[in-house]
Amino acid sequence: MSTPVKLAVVYYSSTGTIAEIAKEITQAAEKAGAEVRLLKAAELAPQAAIDSNPAWAANATATAGIPHATPEDMEWADAVIFGSPTRYGNIAGQLKQFIDTLGGLWAQGKLADKVYSGFTSSATAHGGQESTLLALYNTIHHFGGILVAPGYTDPSKFADGNPYGTSHVDAQGNNPVDDTTRTAARIQAERVVRIATALKKGLTA
């Protein structure tokens, strides 16, 4: 019996939207048969900034038990799904800081030939979701990774409309993660697990 795909879901979330999507992706991937590690990037903001925003403080407390991602998690994984809110059309500094710690693994070729994908959120409808994912995917090319975006591979993708990855408009916290976003997350997780499983079988055949 083949071993399950090992998936790392590595995210940064300030006020909780990305954390919620990360949990949805984790659950869907586990149902699809993957062994999943749900991991967060370490916070870089000062405590005063966190405490000044009730939603940020609440999310920090709610996710305190989720471990921080490490390079060892990246080496362990067959597939990685990164999540970040959009920051001026790019990923958050906290996730970028984690990625910048991976130079040693990159230099050894240990980030290559893995499956990668990404998800994001923004406050506004045209707030940089696609550019955030495309910016993230530039890194995957440098890794020598295998990019697996959801595309329009399922009819439900025409509801959320983002072929680059799951995304959500939270309207400054006024739009909670809804069924459309949860469906997109499920489709993306299942596709990543399916492609990673096929790749893993091919490499061990």
N, C-alpha and C. Protein backbone atom coordinates (compact mmCIF):
# COMPACT_ATOMS: atom_id res chain seq x y z
N MET A 1 0.85 -1.19 0.00
CA MET A 1 0.00 0.00 0.00
C MET A 1 0.88 1.24 0.00
N SER A 2 0.61 2.18 -0.91
CA SER A 2 1.43 3.37 -1.02
C SER A 2 1.18 4.30 0.17
N THR A 3 2.20 5.05 0.53
CA THR A 3 2.06 6.00 1.62
C THR A 3 1.31 7.24 1.14
N PRO A 4 0.55 7.89 2.02
CA PRO A 4 -0.21 9.06 1.59
C PRO A 4 0.70 10.24 1.25
N VAL A 5 0.18 11.13 0.42
CA VAL A 5 0.88 12.37 0.12
C VAL A 5 1.01 13.19 1.40
N LYS A 6 2.18 13.77 1.58
CA LYS A 6 2.43 14.64 2.73
C LYS A 6 2.27 16.10 2.28
N LEU A 7 1.29 16.77 2.84
CA LEU A 7 0.97 18.14 2.44
C LEU A 7 1.19 19.10 3.60
N ALA A 8 1.92 20.16 3.33
CA ALA A 8 2.07 21.26 4.29
C ALA A 8 1.20 22.43 3.83
N VAL A 9 0.31 22.88 4.69
CA VAL A 9 -0.48 24.08 4.44
C VAL A 9 0.16 25.18 5.27
N VAL A 10 0.85 26.09 4.62
CA VAL A 10 1.66 27.12 5.29
C VAL A 10 1.03 28.47 5.01
N TYR A 11 0.59 29.17 6.06
CA TYR A 11 -0.16 30.40 5.84
C TYR A 11 0.26 31.50 6.82
N TYR A 12 -0.10 32.72 6.45
CA TYR A 12 -0.09 33.83 7.40
C TYR A 12 -1.47 34.46 7.40
N SER A 13 -1.97 34.78 8.58
CA SER A 13 -3.28 35.42 8.69
C SER A 13 -3.24 36.40 9.84
N SER A 14 -3.74 37.61 9.60
CA SER A 14 -3.81 38.58 10.68
C SER A 14 -5.18 38.50 11.37
N THR A 15 -6.24 38.79 10.64
CA THR A 15 -7.56 38.86 11.28
C THR A 15 -8.41 37.61 11.12
N GLY A 16 -7.87 36.57 10.47
CA GLY A 16 -8.51 35.27 10.53
C GLY A 16 -9.09 34.72 9.24
N THR A 17 -9.21 35.52 8.18
CA THR A 17 -9.79 35.01 6.94
C THR A 17 -8.93 33.91 6.34
N ILE A 18 -7.65 34.17 6.21
CA ILE A 18 -6.75 33.17 5.64
C ILE A 18 -6.66 31.94 6.54
N ALA A 19 -6.70 32.14 7.84
CA ALA A 19 -6.68 31.01 8.77
C ALA A 19 -7.89 30.11 8.54
N GLU A 20 -9.04 30.71 8.30
CA GLU A 20 -10.27 29.94 8.07
C GLU A 20 -10.17 29.15 6.77
N ILE A 21 -9.66 29.78 5.72
CA ILE A 21 -9.49 29.06 4.44
C ILE A 21 -8.47 27.95 4.59
N ALA A 22 -7.40 28.20 5.34
CA ALA A 22 -6.38 27.18 5.57
C ALA A 22 -6.97 25.95 6.24
N LYS A 23 -7.85 26.15 7.20
CA LYS A 23 -8.51 25.03 7.87
C LYS A 23 -9.39 24.26 6.89
N GLU A 24 -10.09 24.97 6.02
CA GLU A 24 -10.94 24.32 5.03
C GLU A 24 -10.10 23.47 4.08
N ILE A 25 -8.98 24.01 3.63
CA ILE A 25 -8.09 23.27 2.74
C ILE A 25 -7.53 22.05 3.46
N THR A 26 -7.15 22.22 4.71
CA THR A 26 -6.62 21.10 5.49
C THR A 26 -7.63 19.97 5.60
N GLN A 27 -8.85 20.30 5.95
CA GLN A 27 -9.90 19.28 6.10
C GLN A 27 -10.18 18.57 4.78
N ALA A 28 -10.25 19.34 3.70
CA ALA A 28 -10.52 18.73 2.39
C ALA A 28 -9.38 17.81 1.97
N ALA A 29 -8.16 18.24 2.22
CA ALA A 29 -7.00 17.42 1.84
C ALA A 29 -6.94 16.14 2.65
N GLU A 30 -7.28 16.23 3.92
CA GLU A 30 -7.31 15.02 4.75
C GLU A 30 -8.38 14.05 4.27
N LYS A 31 -9.53 14.57 3.90
CA LYS A 31 -10.59 13.71 3.37
C LYS A 31 -10.17 13.07 2.05
N ALA A 32 -9.30 13.76 1.31
CA ALA A 32 -8.80 13.23 0.04
C ALA A 32 -7.67 12.23 0.24
N GLY A 33 -7.27 12.01 1.50
CA GLY A 33 -6.28 10.98 1.79
C GLY A 33 -4.89 11.46 2.12
N ALA A 34 -4.68 12.76 2.21
CA ALA A 34 -3.34 13.29 2.48
C ALA A 34 -3.06 13.33 3.99
N GLU A 35 -1.78 13.26 4.31
CA GLU A 35 -1.31 13.54 5.67
C GLU A 35 -0.93 15.02 5.68
N VAL A 36 -1.59 15.80 6.53
CA VAL A 36 -1.47 17.26 6.44
C VAL A 36 -0.88 17.85 7.71
N ARG A 37 0.02 18.81 7.51
CA ARG A 37 0.49 19.66 8.59
C ARG A 37 -0.02 21.08 8.35
N LEU A 38 -0.84 21.58 9.27
CA LEU A 38 -1.32 22.96 9.20
C LEU A 38 -0.35 23.83 9.98
N LEU A 39 0.25 24.80 9.31
CA LEU A 39 1.36 25.56 9.87
C LEU A 39 1.19 27.04 9.57
N LYS A 40 1.65 27.87 10.47
CA LYS A 40 1.56 29.32 10.24
C LYS A 40 2.94 29.95 10.23
N ALA A 41 3.07 31.03 9.48
CA ALA A 41 4.29 31.83 9.50
C ALA A 41 4.33 32.65 10.78
N ALA A 42 5.50 32.84 11.31
CA ALA A 42 5.64 33.58 12.56
C ALA A 42 5.23 35.04 12.38
N GLU A 43 4.62 35.59 13.41
CA GLU A 43 4.19 36.99 13.40
C GLU A 43 5.40 37.92 13.54
N LEU A 44 5.42 38.99 12.78
CA LEU A 44 6.48 39.98 12.84
C LEU A 44 6.00 41.31 13.42
N ALA A 45 4.70 41.53 13.44
CA ALA A 45 4.16 42.80 13.93
C ALA A 45 4.32 42.92 15.44
N PRO A 46 4.49 44.14 15.93
CA PRO A 46 4.59 44.33 17.39
C PRO A 46 3.27 44.02 18.08
N GLN A 47 3.37 43.61 19.34
CA GLN A 47 2.17 43.25 20.09
C GLN A 47 1.19 44.41 20.18
N ALA A 48 1.71 45.63 20.24
CA ALA A 48 0.83 46.79 20.33
C ALA A 48 -0.07 46.91 19.11
N ALA A 49 0.48 46.60 17.94
CA ALA A 49 -0.32 46.65 16.72
C ALA A 49 -1.40 45.59 16.74
N ILE A 50 -1.05 44.40 17.19
CA ILE A 50 -2.03 43.31 17.28
C ILE A 50 -3.14 43.66 18.25
N ASP A 51 -2.75 44.18 19.40
CA ASP A 51 -3.74 44.50 20.44
C ASP A 51 -4.67 45.63 20.03
N SER A 52 -4.21 46.46 19.09
CA SER A 52 -5.02 47.61 18.68
C SER A 52 -6.18 47.22 17.77
N ASN A 53 -6.17 45.98 17.25
CA ASN A 53 -7.20 45.50 16.35
C ASN A 53 -7.86 44.27 16.98
N PRO A 54 -9.11 44.39 17.43
CA PRO A 54 -9.76 43.27 18.12
C PRO A 54 -9.77 41.97 17.32
N ALA A 55 -10.01 42.05 16.00
CA ALA A 55 -10.05 40.85 15.17
C ALA A 55 -8.67 40.21 15.08
N TRP A 56 -7.64 41.02 14.98
CA TRP A 56 -6.27 40.52 14.93
C TRP A 56 -5.91 39.83 16.25
N ALA A 57 -6.23 40.48 17.35
CA ALA A 57 -5.94 39.90 18.67
C ALA A 57 -6.71 38.60 18.87
N ALA A 58 -7.96 38.58 18.44
CA ALA A 58 -8.78 37.37 18.59
C ALA A 58 -8.22 36.22 17.77
N ASN A 59 -7.78 36.50 16.54
CA ASN A 59 -7.21 35.44 15.71
C ASN A 59 -5.89 34.93 16.28
N ALA A 60 -5.09 35.84 16.82
CA ALA A 60 -3.82 35.42 17.43
C ALA A 60 -4.06 34.45 18.57
N THR A 61 -5.10 34.73 19.37
CA THR A 61 -5.44 33.84 20.48
C THR A 61 -6.00 32.51 19.97
N ALA A 62 -6.88 32.58 18.97
CA ALA A 62 -7.54 31.38 18.46
C ALA A 62 -6.57 30.42 17.78
N THR A 63 -5.50 30.95 17.21
CA THR A 63 -4.55 30.10 16.46
C THR A 63 -3.23 29.91 17.20
N ALA A 64 -3.22 30.22 18.48
CA ALA A 64 -1.98 30.13 19.25
C ALA A 64 -1.40 28.72 19.26
N GLY A 65 -2.26 27.72 19.14
CA GLY A 65 -1.79 26.34 19.19
C GLY A 65 -1.28 25.79 17.87
N ILE A 66 -1.42 26.54 16.80
CA ILE A 66 -0.94 26.07 15.50
C ILE A 66 0.56 26.30 15.42
N PRO A 67 1.34 25.28 15.11
CA PRO A 67 2.80 25.43 15.11
C PRO A 67 3.30 26.34 14.00
N HIS A 68 4.46 26.93 14.24
CA HIS A 68 5.12 27.74 13.22
C HIS A 68 5.77 26.83 12.18
N ALA A 69 5.70 27.25 10.94
CA ALA A 69 6.34 26.50 9.86
C ALA A 69 7.86 26.58 10.00
N THR A 70 8.54 25.49 9.63
CA THR A 70 9.99 25.44 9.66
C THR A 70 10.50 24.88 8.33
N PRO A 71 11.77 25.10 8.03
CA PRO A 71 12.33 24.47 6.84
C PRO A 71 12.19 22.95 6.84
N GLU A 72 12.22 22.35 8.01
CA GLU A 72 12.06 20.90 8.09
C GLU A 72 10.69 20.45 7.59
N ASP A 73 9.67 21.27 7.83
CA ASP A 73 8.34 20.96 7.30
C ASP A 73 8.33 20.97 5.79
N MET A 74 9.06 21.90 5.20
CA MET A 74 9.13 21.99 3.75
C MET A 74 9.86 20.79 3.16
N GLU A 75 10.89 20.34 3.82
CA GLU A 75 11.62 19.16 3.35
C GLU A 75 10.76 17.91 3.46
N TRP A 76 9.95 17.84 4.52
CA TRP A 76 9.06 16.70 4.75
C TRP A 76 7.99 16.58 3.68
N ALA A 77 7.49 17.70 3.21
CA ALA A 77 6.29 17.73 2.38
C ALA A 77 6.53 17.26 0.95
N ASP A 78 5.54 16.57 0.40
CA ASP A 78 5.49 16.29 -1.03
C ASP A 78 4.82 17.43 -1.78
N ALA A 79 3.96 18.16 -1.07
CA ALA A 79 3.21 19.26 -1.67
C ALA A 79 3.03 20.35 -0.62
N VAL A 80 2.97 21.59 -1.08
CA VAL A 80 2.81 22.75 -0.19
C VAL A 80 1.76 23.68 -0.77
N ILE A 81 0.81 24.09 0.07
CA ILE A 81 -0.15 25.11 -0.32
C ILE A 81 0.09 26.31 0.59
N PHE A 82 0.52 27.42 -0.01
CA PHE A 82 0.79 28.65 0.73
C PHE A 82 -0.45 29.54 0.76
N GLY A 83 -0.68 30.22 1.88
CA GLY A 83 -1.78 31.16 1.96
C GLY A 83 -1.34 32.48 2.56
N SER A 84 -1.80 33.58 1.97
CA SER A 84 -1.45 34.91 2.47
C SER A 84 -2.51 35.92 2.07
N PRO A 85 -2.81 36.88 2.93
CA PRO A 85 -3.60 38.02 2.48
C PRO A 85 -2.78 38.83 1.47
N THR A 86 -3.45 39.59 0.65
CA THR A 86 -2.71 40.43 -0.28
C THR A 86 -2.23 41.69 0.43
N ARG A 87 -0.99 42.04 0.19
CA ARG A 87 -0.38 43.26 0.72
C ARG A 87 0.17 44.05 -0.45
N TYR A 88 -0.56 45.05 -0.88
CA TYR A 88 -0.15 45.86 -2.03
C TYR A 88 0.11 44.97 -3.24
N GLY A 89 -0.75 43.98 -3.46
CA GLY A 89 -0.61 43.09 -4.61
C GLY A 89 0.46 42.04 -4.46
N ASN A 90 0.93 41.84 -3.24
CA ASN A 90 1.99 40.85 -2.99
C ASN A 90 1.65 40.09 -1.72
N ILE A 91 2.45 39.08 -1.40
CA ILE A 91 2.21 38.32 -0.18
C ILE A 91 2.64 39.14 1.04
N ALA A 92 2.12 38.76 2.18
CA ALA A 92 2.46 39.43 3.43
C ALA A 92 3.92 39.22 3.80
N GLY A 93 4.50 40.20 4.48
CA GLY A 93 5.90 40.12 4.88
C GLY A 93 6.19 38.91 5.75
N GLN A 94 5.22 38.49 6.56
CA GLN A 94 5.45 37.35 7.44
C GLN A 94 5.69 36.07 6.65
N LEU A 95 4.89 35.85 5.59
CA LEU A 95 5.11 34.66 4.77
C LEU A 95 6.39 34.79 3.96
N LYS A 96 6.65 35.99 3.46
CA LYS A 96 7.89 36.21 2.71
C LYS A 96 9.11 35.95 3.58
N GLN A 97 9.04 36.36 4.84
CA GLN A 97 10.15 36.12 5.76
C GLN A 97 10.40 34.62 5.90
N PHE A 98 9.33 33.83 6.02
CA PHE A 98 9.52 32.38 6.11
C PHE A 98 10.15 31.84 4.84
N ILE A 99 9.64 32.25 3.70
CA ILE A 99 10.19 31.77 2.43
C ILE A 99 11.67 32.12 2.32
N ASP A 100 12.04 33.29 2.85
CA ASP A 100 13.44 33.71 2.77
C ASP A 100 14.37 32.88 3.66
N THR A 101 13.80 32.07 4.55
CA THR A 101 14.64 31.18 5.37
C THR A 101 14.96 29.87 4.66
N LEU A 102 14.42 29.69 3.46
CA LEU A 102 14.53 28.39 2.78
C LEU A 102 15.71 28.31 1.81
N GLY A 103 16.58 29.30 1.86
CA GLY A 103 17.70 29.32 0.92
C GLY A 103 18.58 28.09 0.99
N GLY A 104 18.78 27.57 2.19
CA GLY A 104 19.61 26.37 2.32
C GLY A 104 19.02 25.17 1.62
N LEU A 105 17.71 24.97 1.79
CA LEU A 105 17.04 23.87 1.11
C LEU A 105 17.04 24.08 -0.40
N TRP A 106 16.79 25.33 -0.81
CA TRP A 106 16.80 25.64 -2.25
C TRP A 106 18.16 25.32 -2.86
N ALA A 107 19.23 25.70 -2.18
CA ALA A 107 20.58 25.48 -2.70
C ALA A 107 20.90 24.00 -2.86
N GLN A 108 20.26 23.18 -2.03
CA GLN A 108 20.47 21.72 -2.10
C GLN A 108 19.48 21.04 -3.04
N GLY A 109 18.61 21.80 -3.66
CA GLY A 109 17.62 21.22 -4.56
C GLY A 109 16.49 20.51 -3.86
N LYS A 110 16.32 20.78 -2.58
CA LYS A 110 15.33 20.04 -1.81
C LYS A 110 13.92 20.64 -1.87
N LEU A 111 13.78 21.75 -2.57
CA LEU A 111 12.45 22.33 -2.77
C LEU A 111 11.92 22.03 -4.16
N ALA A 112 12.74 21.41 -4.99
CA ALA A 112 12.36 21.09 -6.36
C ALA A 112 11.46 19.85 -6.41
N ASP A 113 10.70 19.75 -7.51
CA ASP A 113 9.91 18.56 -7.82
C ASP A 113 8.79 18.29 -6.81
N LYS A 114 8.43 19.30 -6.04
CA LYS A 114 7.26 19.22 -5.17
C LYS A 114 6.11 19.96 -5.84
N VAL A 115 4.89 19.65 -5.45
CA VAL A 115 3.72 20.36 -5.95
C VAL A 115 3.46 21.57 -5.06
N TYR A 116 3.15 22.70 -5.68
CA TYR A 116 2.86 23.93 -4.94
C TYR A 116 1.58 24.58 -5.46
N SER A 117 0.89 25.28 -4.56
CA SER A 117 -0.29 26.04 -4.94
C SER A 117 -0.47 27.15 -3.90
N GLY A 118 -1.44 28.06 -4.13
CA GLY A 118 -1.60 29.17 -3.21
C GLY A 118 -3.02 29.67 -3.12
N PHE A 119 -3.32 30.39 -2.03
CA PHE A 119 -4.63 31.02 -1.83
C PHE A 119 -4.44 32.36 -1.14
N THR A 120 -5.45 33.22 -1.26
CA THR A 120 -5.29 34.58 -0.76
C THR A 120 -6.64 35.19 -0.40
N SER A 121 -6.59 36.40 0.15
CA SER A 121 -7.80 37.18 0.42
C SER A 121 -7.43 38.66 0.34
N SER A 122 -8.45 39.48 0.15
CA SER A 122 -8.25 40.93 0.15
C SER A 122 -9.48 41.60 0.72
N ALA A 123 -9.34 42.87 1.06
CA ALA A 123 -10.47 43.60 1.63
C ALA A 123 -11.45 44.03 0.57
N THR A 124 -10.96 44.26 -0.66
CA THR A 124 -11.80 44.79 -1.72
C THR A 124 -11.83 43.86 -2.92
N ALA A 125 -12.80 44.07 -3.80
CA ALA A 125 -13.04 43.15 -4.90
C ALA A 125 -11.91 43.09 -5.92
N HIS A 126 -11.22 44.17 -6.14
CA HIS A 126 -10.10 44.17 -7.07
C HIS A 126 -8.84 44.60 -6.33
N GLY A 127 -8.62 43.97 -5.19
CA GLY A 127 -7.56 44.39 -4.28
C GLY A 127 -6.24 43.70 -4.46
N GLY A 128 -6.01 43.05 -5.60
CA GLY A 128 -4.71 42.45 -5.86
C GLY A 128 -4.63 40.96 -5.64
N GLN A 129 -5.76 40.27 -5.64
CA GLN A 129 -5.74 38.83 -5.39
C GLN A 129 -4.92 38.07 -6.44
N GLU A 130 -5.18 38.34 -7.71
CA GLU A 130 -4.47 37.60 -8.76
C GLU A 130 -2.99 37.94 -8.76
N SER A 131 -2.65 39.22 -8.57
CA SER A 131 -1.23 39.58 -8.59
C SER A 131 -0.50 39.00 -7.39
N THR A 132 -1.20 38.85 -6.27
CA THR A 132 -0.58 38.23 -5.09
C THR A 132 -0.20 36.78 -5.38
N LEU A 133 -1.11 36.04 -5.99
CA LEU A 133 -0.82 34.65 -6.31
C LEU A 133 0.25 34.53 -7.39
N LEU A 134 0.19 35.40 -8.38
CA LEU A 134 1.22 35.36 -9.42
C LEU A 134 2.59 35.71 -8.85
N ALA A 135 2.64 36.66 -7.92
CA ALA A 135 3.90 37.00 -7.27
C ALA A 135 4.43 35.82 -6.46
N LEU A 136 3.53 35.15 -5.74
CA LEU A 136 3.92 33.95 -5.00
C LEU A 136 4.48 32.89 -5.95
N TYR A 137 3.82 32.72 -7.08
CA TYR A 137 4.22 31.67 -8.01
C TYR A 137 5.56 31.95 -8.69
N ASN A 138 6.00 33.21 -8.72
CA ASN A 138 7.37 33.48 -9.19
C ASN A 138 8.38 32.70 -8.36
N THR A 139 8.14 32.64 -7.04
CA THR A 139 9.03 31.91 -6.16
C THR A 139 9.05 30.42 -6.49
N ILE A 140 7.90 29.88 -6.84
CA ILE A 140 7.82 28.45 -7.15
C ILE A 140 8.67 28.10 -8.36
N HIS A 141 8.72 28.98 -9.33
CA HIS A 141 9.57 28.75 -10.50
C HIS A 141 11.04 28.68 -10.08
N HIS A 142 11.43 29.53 -9.14
CA HIS A 142 12.81 29.50 -8.66
C HIS A 142 13.10 28.22 -7.88
N PHE A 143 12.10 27.72 -7.19
CA PHE A 143 12.26 26.46 -6.47
C PHE A 143 12.47 25.28 -7.42
N GLY A 144 11.98 25.40 -8.64
CA GLY A 144 11.89 24.23 -9.50
C GLY A 144 10.70 23.38 -9.13
N GLY A 145 9.68 24.05 -8.56
CA GLY A 145 8.48 23.35 -8.13
C GLY A 145 7.51 23.12 -9.27
N ILE A 146 6.52 22.30 -9.01
CA ILE A 146 5.48 21.98 -9.98
C ILE A 146 4.21 22.71 -9.55
N LEU A 147 3.87 23.74 -10.29
CA LEU A 147 2.74 24.59 -9.93
C LEU A 147 1.42 23.93 -10.33
N VAL A 148 0.53 23.78 -9.36
CA VAL A 148 -0.79 23.19 -9.61
C VAL A 148 -1.86 24.19 -9.15
N ALA A 149 -2.30 25.00 -10.09
CA ALA A 149 -3.40 25.93 -9.82
C ALA A 149 -4.73 25.23 -10.12
N PRO A 150 -5.83 25.70 -9.55
CA PRO A 150 -7.11 25.03 -9.79
C PRO A 150 -7.63 25.20 -11.21
N GLY A 151 -7.27 26.33 -11.86
CA GLY A 151 -7.81 26.57 -13.18
C GLY A 151 -9.33 26.56 -13.16
N TYR A 152 -9.93 26.24 -14.30
CA TYR A 152 -11.37 26.04 -14.39
C TYR A 152 -11.65 24.56 -14.61
N THR A 153 -11.08 23.74 -13.71
CA THR A 153 -11.16 22.29 -13.87
C THR A 153 -12.42 21.71 -13.26
N ASP A 154 -13.23 22.55 -12.66
CA ASP A 154 -14.50 22.11 -12.06
C ASP A 154 -15.53 23.20 -12.35
N PRO A 155 -16.77 22.84 -12.68
CA PRO A 155 -17.78 23.86 -12.97
C PRO A 155 -17.96 24.88 -11.86
N SER A 156 -17.71 24.47 -10.62
CA SER A 156 -17.88 25.39 -9.50
C SER A 156 -16.90 26.55 -9.54
N LYS A 157 -15.80 26.37 -10.27
CA LYS A 157 -14.81 27.45 -10.35
C LYS A 157 -15.35 28.68 -11.06
N PHE A 158 -16.39 28.51 -11.85
CA PHE A 158 -16.97 29.67 -12.51
C PHE A 158 -17.75 30.55 -11.53
N ALA A 159 -18.01 30.02 -10.33
CA ALA A 159 -18.69 30.83 -9.31
C ALA A 159 -17.72 31.78 -8.63
N ASP A 160 -16.54 31.29 -8.27
CA ASP A 160 -15.57 32.18 -7.61
C ASP A 160 -14.68 32.90 -8.63
N GLY A 161 -14.46 32.30 -9.78
CA GLY A 161 -13.85 32.99 -10.90
C GLY A 161 -12.36 33.22 -10.84
N ASN A 162 -11.65 32.56 -9.94
CA ASN A 162 -10.20 32.78 -9.86
C ASN A 162 -9.46 31.49 -10.20
N PRO A 163 -8.87 31.39 -11.41
CA PRO A 163 -8.18 30.17 -11.80
C PRO A 163 -6.81 30.01 -11.14
N TYR A 164 -6.31 31.07 -10.51
CA TYR A 164 -4.96 31.05 -9.93
C TYR A 164 -4.92 30.38 -8.56
N GLY A 165 -6.04 30.40 -7.85
CA GLY A 165 -6.11 29.82 -6.52
C GLY A 165 -7.33 30.35 -5.79
N THR A 166 -7.65 29.74 -4.67
CA THR A 166 -8.78 30.19 -3.87
C THR A 166 -8.54 31.62 -3.39
N SER A 167 -9.58 32.45 -3.47
CA SER A 167 -9.47 33.82 -2.97
C SER A 167 -10.81 34.26 -2.41
N HIS A 168 -10.75 35.24 -1.52
CA HIS A 168 -11.97 35.70 -0.85
C HIS A 168 -11.88 37.19 -0.61
N VAL A 169 -12.99 37.89 -0.79
CA VAL A 169 -13.09 39.31 -0.47
C VAL A 169 -13.77 39.42 0.90
N ASP A 170 -13.05 39.91 1.90
CA ASP A 170 -13.63 39.90 3.25
C ASP A 170 -14.25 41.24 3.66
N ALA A 171 -14.07 42.29 2.83
CA ALA A 171 -14.69 43.59 3.11
C ALA A 171 -14.42 44.05 4.54
N GLN A 172 -13.14 44.05 4.90
CA GLN A 172 -12.73 44.47 6.25
C GLN A 172 -13.44 43.67 7.34
N GLY A 173 -13.59 42.37 7.07
CA GLY A 173 -14.20 41.49 8.07
C GLY A 173 -15.70 41.39 8.01
N ASN A 174 -16.32 42.12 7.09
CA ASN A 174 -17.78 42.10 7.00
C ASN A 174 -18.32 40.95 6.17
N ASN A 175 -17.47 40.29 5.39
CA ASN A 175 -17.88 39.14 4.59
C ASN A 175 -17.17 37.89 5.09
N PRO A 176 -17.78 37.09 5.93
CA PRO A 176 -17.13 35.86 6.40
C PRO A 176 -16.92 34.88 5.25
N VAL A 177 -16.01 33.95 5.45
CA VAL A 177 -15.74 32.93 4.45
C VAL A 177 -17.04 32.18 4.16
N ASP A 178 -17.45 32.18 2.89
CA ASP A 178 -18.76 31.64 2.51
C ASP A 178 -18.62 30.30 1.78
N ASP A 179 -19.76 29.77 1.35
CA ASP A 179 -19.77 28.47 0.69
C ASP A 179 -19.02 28.50 -0.64
N THR A 180 -19.07 29.62 -1.35
CA THR A 180 -18.35 29.71 -2.62
C THR A 180 -16.85 29.56 -2.40
N THR A 181 -16.34 30.25 -1.40
CA THR A 181 -14.91 30.16 -1.09
C THR A 181 -14.55 28.78 -0.56
N ARG A 182 -15.41 28.21 0.28
CA ARG A 182 -15.13 26.87 0.83
C ARG A 182 -15.11 25.82 -0.29
N THR A 183 -16.01 25.96 -1.26
CA THR A 183 -16.01 25.04 -2.39
C THR A 183 -14.73 25.18 -3.20
N ALA A 184 -14.31 26.42 -3.44
CA ALA A 184 -13.07 26.66 -4.17
C ALA A 184 -11.88 26.05 -3.43
N ALA A 185 -11.87 26.18 -2.11
CA ALA A 185 -10.79 25.62 -1.31
C ALA A 185 -10.77 24.09 -1.42
N ARG A 186 -11.95 23.50 -1.37
CA ARG A 186 -12.02 22.04 -1.49
C ARG A 186 -11.51 21.57 -2.84
N ILE A 187 -11.94 22.23 -3.90
CA ILE A 187 -11.51 21.85 -5.25
C ILE A 187 -10.00 21.96 -5.38
N GLN A 188 -9.44 23.05 -4.85
CA GLN A 188 -8.00 23.24 -4.93
C GLN A 188 -7.25 22.17 -4.14
N ALA A 189 -7.71 21.90 -2.93
CA ALA A 189 -7.04 20.89 -2.10
C ALA A 189 -7.08 19.52 -2.75
N GLU A 190 -8.24 19.15 -3.27
CA GLU A 190 -8.39 17.84 -3.90
C GLU A 190 -7.50 17.72 -5.14
N ARG A 191 -7.41 18.80 -5.91
CA ARG A 191 -6.58 18.77 -7.11
C ARG A 191 -5.10 18.64 -6.76
N VAL A 192 -4.66 19.39 -5.76
CA VAL A 192 -3.27 19.30 -5.33
C VAL A 192 -2.95 17.89 -4.85
N VAL A 193 -3.82 17.32 -4.04
CA VAL A 193 -3.57 15.96 -3.53
C VAL A 193 -3.57 14.95 -4.68
N ARG A 194 -4.49 15.10 -5.61
CA ARG A 194 -4.57 14.17 -6.74
C ARG A 194 -3.31 14.22 -7.61
N ILE A 195 -2.87 15.41 -7.95
CA ILE A 195 -1.68 15.54 -8.80
C ILE A 195 -0.43 15.11 -8.05
N ALA A 196 -0.33 15.48 -6.78
CA ALA A 196 0.83 15.07 -5.99
C ALA A 196 0.89 13.56 -5.82
N THR A 197 -0.26 12.93 -5.65
CA THR A 197 -0.31 11.47 -5.53
C THR A 197 0.16 10.81 -6.81
N ALA A 198 -0.31 11.30 -7.95
CA ALA A 198 0.11 10.74 -9.24
C ALA A 198 1.60 10.93 -9.45
N LEU A 199 2.11 12.09 -9.09
CA LEU A 199 3.53 12.36 -9.24
C LEU A 199 4.35 11.46 -8.34
N LYS A 200 3.90 11.29 -7.11
CA LYS A 200 4.63 10.45 -6.16
C LYS A 200 4.66 8.99 -6.63
N LYS A 201 3.55 8.52 -7.17
CA LYS A 201 3.51 7.16 -7.68
C LYS A 201 4.46 7.00 -8.87
N GLY A 202 4.50 8.03 -9.72
CA GLY A 202 5.39 7.99 -10.87
C GLY A 202 6.85 7.96 -10.50
N LEU A 203 7.21 8.72 -9.45
CA LEU A 203 8.60 8.78 -9.03
C LEU A 203 9.07 7.51 -8.35
N THR A 204 8.09 6.76 -7.74
CA THR A 204 8.47 5.54 -7.03
C THR A 204 8.22 4.28 -7.83
N ALA A 205 7.66 4.43 -9.02
CA ALA A 205 7.33 3.25 -9.84
C ALA A 205 8.61 2.58 -10.37
